[in-house]
C-alpha cells in the first residue's frame, strides 16, 4: 500500500508511527497544527505548503521539522521558529 501511495521506503507510516493530517491549504493554518503537534510530543513534523496536510511522526531522537513537496524534503529546521521563517520562501 505504501508503494501505491508513492511513500518512502521504510516509511514510519508502515509501522503506525506516522500519519498525515489534512488541515487545509495555507502555511499559517499548517503552522498552527505544527505547534500543537510539537506541544503533544511528536518528533517528526513536516508541512507541505503546496498541499493541504502536515506530516507528524514518532521517530527516534531529536525533534526534526521539515518542509516537503511530493515526497521530497525541501528544507529542514531545528525549531518551530526556524520552520516558520523558512516556510515563507515556499508560500504561494
N, C-alpha and C. Protein backbone atom coordinates (compact mmCIF):
# COMPACT_ATOMS: atom_id res chain seq x y z
N UNK A 1 0.82 -1.20 0.00
CA UNK A 1 0.00 0.00 0.00
C UNK A 1 0.87 1.26 0.00
N UNK A 2 1.96 1.26 0.78
CA UNK A 2 2.82 2.43 0.83
C UNK A 2 3.41 2.74 -0.54
N UNK A 3 3.81 1.70 -1.27
CA UNK A 3 4.36 1.89 -2.61
C UNK A 3 3.31 2.50 -3.54
N UNK A 4 2.05 2.03 -3.41
CA UNK A 4 0.96 2.57 -4.23
C UNK A 4 0.78 4.07 -4.01
N UNK A 5 1.02 4.50 -2.78
CA UNK A 5 0.88 5.92 -2.43
C UNK A 5 2.14 6.71 -2.71
N UNK A 6 3.14 6.05 -3.31
CA UNK A 6 4.44 6.66 -3.61
C UNK A 6 5.14 7.10 -2.32
N UNK A 7 4.98 6.30 -1.27
CA UNK A 7 5.59 6.58 0.02
C UNK A 7 7.05 6.18 0.05
N UNK A 8 7.75 6.70 1.01
CA UNK A 8 9.18 6.42 1.17
C UNK A 8 9.38 4.98 1.62
N UNK A 9 10.49 4.39 1.18
CA UNK A 9 10.87 3.06 1.64
C UNK A 9 11.11 3.15 3.15
N UNK A 10 10.65 2.16 3.88
CA UNK A 10 10.76 2.13 5.34
C UNK A 10 10.05 3.31 6.01
N UNK A 11 9.00 3.79 5.40
CA UNK A 11 8.23 4.89 5.97
C UNK A 11 7.68 4.51 7.34
N UNK A 12 7.70 5.45 8.26
CA UNK A 12 7.12 5.21 9.57
C UNK A 12 5.61 5.00 9.50
N UNK A 13 4.99 5.41 8.39
CA UNK A 13 3.56 5.14 8.20
C UNK A 13 3.29 3.63 8.23
N UNK A 14 4.21 2.85 7.69
CA UNK A 14 4.03 1.39 7.62
C UNK A 14 4.01 0.75 9.00
N UNK A 15 4.57 1.43 9.99
CA UNK A 15 4.69 0.87 11.33
C UNK A 15 3.77 1.57 12.33
N UNK A 16 2.81 2.31 11.82
CA UNK A 16 1.84 3.04 12.64
C UNK A 16 2.51 4.04 13.57
N UNK A 17 3.62 4.62 13.11
CA UNK A 17 4.34 5.63 13.89
C UNK A 17 4.25 7.01 13.24
N UNK A 18 3.49 7.13 12.16
CA UNK A 18 3.35 8.40 11.46
C UNK A 18 1.97 8.52 10.85
N UNK A 19 1.54 9.76 10.67
CA UNK A 19 0.29 10.00 9.96
C UNK A 19 0.31 11.37 9.32
N UNK A 20 -0.53 11.52 8.32
CA UNK A 20 -0.74 12.80 7.67
C UNK A 20 -2.09 13.32 8.11
N UNK A 21 -2.13 14.59 8.47
CA UNK A 21 -3.36 15.22 8.92
C UNK A 21 -3.74 16.30 7.91
N UNK A 22 -4.92 16.18 7.35
CA UNK A 22 -5.39 17.15 6.37
C UNK A 22 -6.00 18.33 7.11
N UNK A 23 -5.34 19.48 6.98
CA UNK A 23 -5.70 20.67 7.77
C UNK A 23 -6.13 21.85 6.90
N UNK A 24 -6.00 21.72 5.60
CA UNK A 24 -6.33 22.82 4.70
C UNK A 24 -5.08 23.50 4.18
N UNK A 25 -5.27 24.22 3.11
CA UNK A 25 -4.13 24.92 2.50
C UNK A 25 -3.77 26.16 3.29
N UNK A 26 -2.54 26.56 3.11
CA UNK A 26 -2.07 27.78 3.74
C UNK A 26 -1.06 27.49 4.83
N UNK A 27 0.07 28.16 4.73
CA UNK A 27 1.15 27.94 5.68
C UNK A 27 0.73 28.29 7.09
N UNK A 28 0.01 29.37 7.29
CA UNK A 28 -0.37 29.76 8.64
C UNK A 28 -1.24 28.70 9.30
N UNK A 29 -2.16 28.13 8.56
CA UNK A 29 -3.00 27.06 9.10
C UNK A 29 -2.14 25.85 9.44
N UNK A 30 -1.21 25.49 8.56
CA UNK A 30 -0.35 24.35 8.82
C UNK A 30 0.55 24.59 10.02
N UNK A 31 1.07 25.81 10.16
CA UNK A 31 1.94 26.13 11.30
C UNK A 31 1.19 26.06 12.63
N UNK A 32 -0.09 26.39 12.65
CA UNK A 32 -0.89 26.24 13.87
C UNK A 32 -0.88 24.78 14.32
N UNK A 33 -1.07 23.88 13.36
CA UNK A 33 -1.10 22.45 13.67
C UNK A 33 0.29 21.94 14.05
N UNK A 34 1.33 22.49 13.44
CA UNK A 34 2.71 22.11 13.78
C UNK A 34 2.98 22.42 15.25
N UNK A 35 2.59 23.59 15.68
CA UNK A 35 2.80 23.99 17.08
C UNK A 35 2.10 23.01 18.01
N UNK A 36 0.86 22.65 17.70
CA UNK A 36 0.11 21.70 18.52
C UNK A 36 0.78 20.33 18.53
N UNK A 37 1.29 19.90 17.38
CA UNK A 37 1.96 18.60 17.29
C UNK A 37 3.23 18.58 18.13
N UNK A 38 3.99 19.67 18.08
CA UNK A 38 5.21 19.76 18.88
C UNK A 38 4.86 19.75 20.37
N UNK A 39 3.84 20.49 20.76
CA UNK A 39 3.42 20.54 22.15
C UNK A 39 2.91 19.17 22.63
N UNK A 40 2.47 18.32 21.69
CA UNK A 40 1.95 16.99 22.02
C UNK A 40 3.04 15.92 22.03
N UNK A 41 4.28 16.30 21.68
CA UNK A 41 5.39 15.36 21.79
C UNK A 41 5.83 14.66 20.52
N UNK A 42 5.26 15.01 19.38
CA UNK A 42 5.71 14.39 18.13
C UNK A 42 7.12 14.86 17.80
N UNK A 43 7.92 14.00 17.21
CA UNK A 43 9.33 14.30 16.97
C UNK A 43 9.67 14.55 15.50
N UNK A 44 8.84 14.15 14.59
CA UNK A 44 9.00 14.45 13.17
C UNK A 44 7.78 15.21 12.72
N UNK A 45 7.98 16.45 12.27
CA UNK A 45 6.84 17.30 11.92
C UNK A 45 7.15 18.03 10.63
N UNK A 46 6.28 17.85 9.63
CA UNK A 46 6.52 18.49 8.34
C UNK A 46 5.30 19.18 7.79
N UNK A 47 5.54 20.26 7.06
CA UNK A 47 4.46 20.97 6.36
C UNK A 47 4.65 20.79 4.86
N UNK A 48 3.55 20.96 4.15
CA UNK A 48 3.54 20.86 2.68
C UNK A 48 2.81 22.09 2.14
N UNK A 49 3.52 23.21 1.95
CA UNK A 49 2.88 24.47 1.56
C UNK A 49 2.02 24.39 0.30
N UNK A 50 2.38 23.53 -0.65
CA UNK A 50 1.61 23.43 -1.89
C UNK A 50 0.46 22.44 -1.77
N UNK A 51 0.30 21.84 -0.60
CA UNK A 51 -0.72 20.82 -0.40
C UNK A 51 -1.58 21.22 0.80
N UNK A 52 -2.34 20.27 1.31
CA UNK A 52 -3.30 20.59 2.36
C UNK A 52 -3.14 19.74 3.61
N UNK A 53 -1.92 19.27 3.86
CA UNK A 53 -1.72 18.43 5.04
C UNK A 53 -0.37 18.68 5.70
N UNK A 54 -0.27 18.18 6.94
CA UNK A 54 1.01 18.13 7.63
C UNK A 54 1.32 16.67 7.90
N UNK A 55 2.58 16.39 8.13
CA UNK A 55 3.03 15.04 8.49
C UNK A 55 3.53 15.11 9.93
N UNK A 56 3.15 14.11 10.74
CA UNK A 56 3.69 14.00 12.09
C UNK A 56 4.13 12.56 12.33
N UNK A 57 5.19 12.40 13.11
CA UNK A 57 5.62 11.04 13.43
C UNK A 57 6.31 10.99 14.78
N UNK A 58 6.61 9.76 15.19
CA UNK A 58 7.27 9.50 16.47
C UNK A 58 8.63 8.86 16.23
N UNK A 59 9.46 9.49 15.41
CA UNK A 59 10.80 8.98 15.12
C UNK A 59 11.67 9.05 16.37
N UNK A 60 12.71 8.25 16.37
CA UNK A 60 13.66 8.25 17.48
C UNK A 60 14.56 9.48 17.39
N UNK A 61 14.98 9.98 18.52
CA UNK A 61 15.94 11.08 18.53
C UNK A 61 15.30 12.44 18.70
N UNK A 62 16.10 13.42 18.34
CA UNK A 62 15.73 14.82 18.49
C UNK A 62 14.63 15.20 17.51
N UNK A 63 13.82 16.17 17.89
CA UNK A 63 12.73 16.64 17.03
C UNK A 63 13.30 17.23 15.74
N UNK A 64 12.64 16.92 14.63
CA UNK A 64 13.01 17.43 13.31
C UNK A 64 11.78 18.04 12.67
N UNK A 65 11.94 19.25 12.15
CA UNK A 65 10.90 19.92 11.38
C UNK A 65 11.34 19.94 9.92
N UNK A 66 10.37 19.83 8.99
CA UNK A 66 10.75 19.90 7.58
C UNK A 66 9.64 20.51 6.74
N UNK A 67 10.04 20.95 5.56
CA UNK A 67 9.13 21.44 4.53
C UNK A 67 9.26 20.48 3.36
N UNK A 68 8.14 19.96 2.89
CA UNK A 68 8.19 18.98 1.82
C UNK A 68 7.27 19.31 0.65
N UNK A 69 7.51 18.56 -0.41
CA UNK A 69 6.66 18.66 -1.61
C UNK A 69 6.77 17.33 -2.35
N UNK A 70 5.64 16.67 -2.53
CA UNK A 70 5.57 15.42 -3.30
C UNK A 70 6.66 14.42 -2.93
N UNK A 71 6.84 14.18 -1.64
CA UNK A 71 7.81 13.18 -1.19
C UNK A 71 9.24 13.66 -1.10
N UNK A 72 9.49 14.91 -1.46
CA UNK A 72 10.84 15.47 -1.42
C UNK A 72 10.95 16.45 -0.26
N UNK A 73 12.05 16.40 0.47
CA UNK A 73 12.30 17.37 1.53
C UNK A 73 12.98 18.59 0.93
N UNK A 74 12.33 19.74 1.06
CA UNK A 74 12.86 20.99 0.51
C UNK A 74 13.76 21.72 1.50
N UNK A 75 13.45 21.60 2.79
CA UNK A 75 14.23 22.27 3.83
C UNK A 75 13.97 21.60 5.16
N UNK A 76 14.94 21.70 6.07
CA UNK A 76 14.77 21.21 7.43
C UNK A 76 15.00 22.36 8.40
N UNK A 77 14.51 22.17 9.62
CA UNK A 77 14.67 23.20 10.65
C UNK A 77 14.81 22.51 12.00
N UNK A 78 15.50 23.18 12.90
CA UNK A 78 15.70 22.64 14.23
C UNK A 78 14.73 23.15 15.26
N UNK A 79 13.89 24.11 14.87
CA UNK A 79 12.91 24.67 15.81
C UNK A 79 11.67 25.12 15.05
N UNK A 80 10.60 25.32 15.81
CA UNK A 80 9.37 25.84 15.22
C UNK A 80 9.62 27.21 14.59
N UNK A 81 10.35 28.05 15.29
CA UNK A 81 10.61 29.41 14.79
C UNK A 81 11.39 29.38 13.47
N UNK A 82 12.36 28.49 13.39
CA UNK A 82 13.14 28.36 12.15
C UNK A 82 12.26 27.83 11.02
N UNK A 83 11.39 26.87 11.33
CA UNK A 83 10.47 26.35 10.31
C UNK A 83 9.56 27.46 9.81
N UNK A 84 9.01 28.24 10.72
CA UNK A 84 8.11 29.33 10.34
C UNK A 84 8.82 30.34 9.44
N UNK A 85 10.06 30.67 9.77
CA UNK A 85 10.82 31.62 8.95
C UNK A 85 11.12 31.05 7.57
N UNK A 86 11.56 29.80 7.52
CA UNK A 86 11.88 29.18 6.23
C UNK A 86 10.64 28.96 5.37
N UNK A 87 9.51 28.73 6.01
CA UNK A 87 8.27 28.42 5.27
C UNK A 87 7.84 29.58 4.37
N UNK A 88 8.21 30.80 4.73
CA UNK A 88 7.81 31.97 3.94
C UNK A 88 8.35 31.91 2.50
N UNK A 89 9.48 31.22 2.32
CA UNK A 89 10.05 31.07 0.96
C UNK A 89 9.16 30.24 0.04
N UNK A 90 8.31 29.40 0.66
CA UNK A 90 7.52 28.45 -0.13
C UNK A 90 6.05 28.80 -0.17
N UNK A 91 5.72 29.96 0.41
CA UNK A 91 4.31 30.39 0.45
C UNK A 91 3.84 30.74 -0.95
N UNK A 92 2.63 30.36 -1.23
CA UNK A 92 2.03 30.66 -2.56
C UNK A 92 1.15 31.84 -2.48
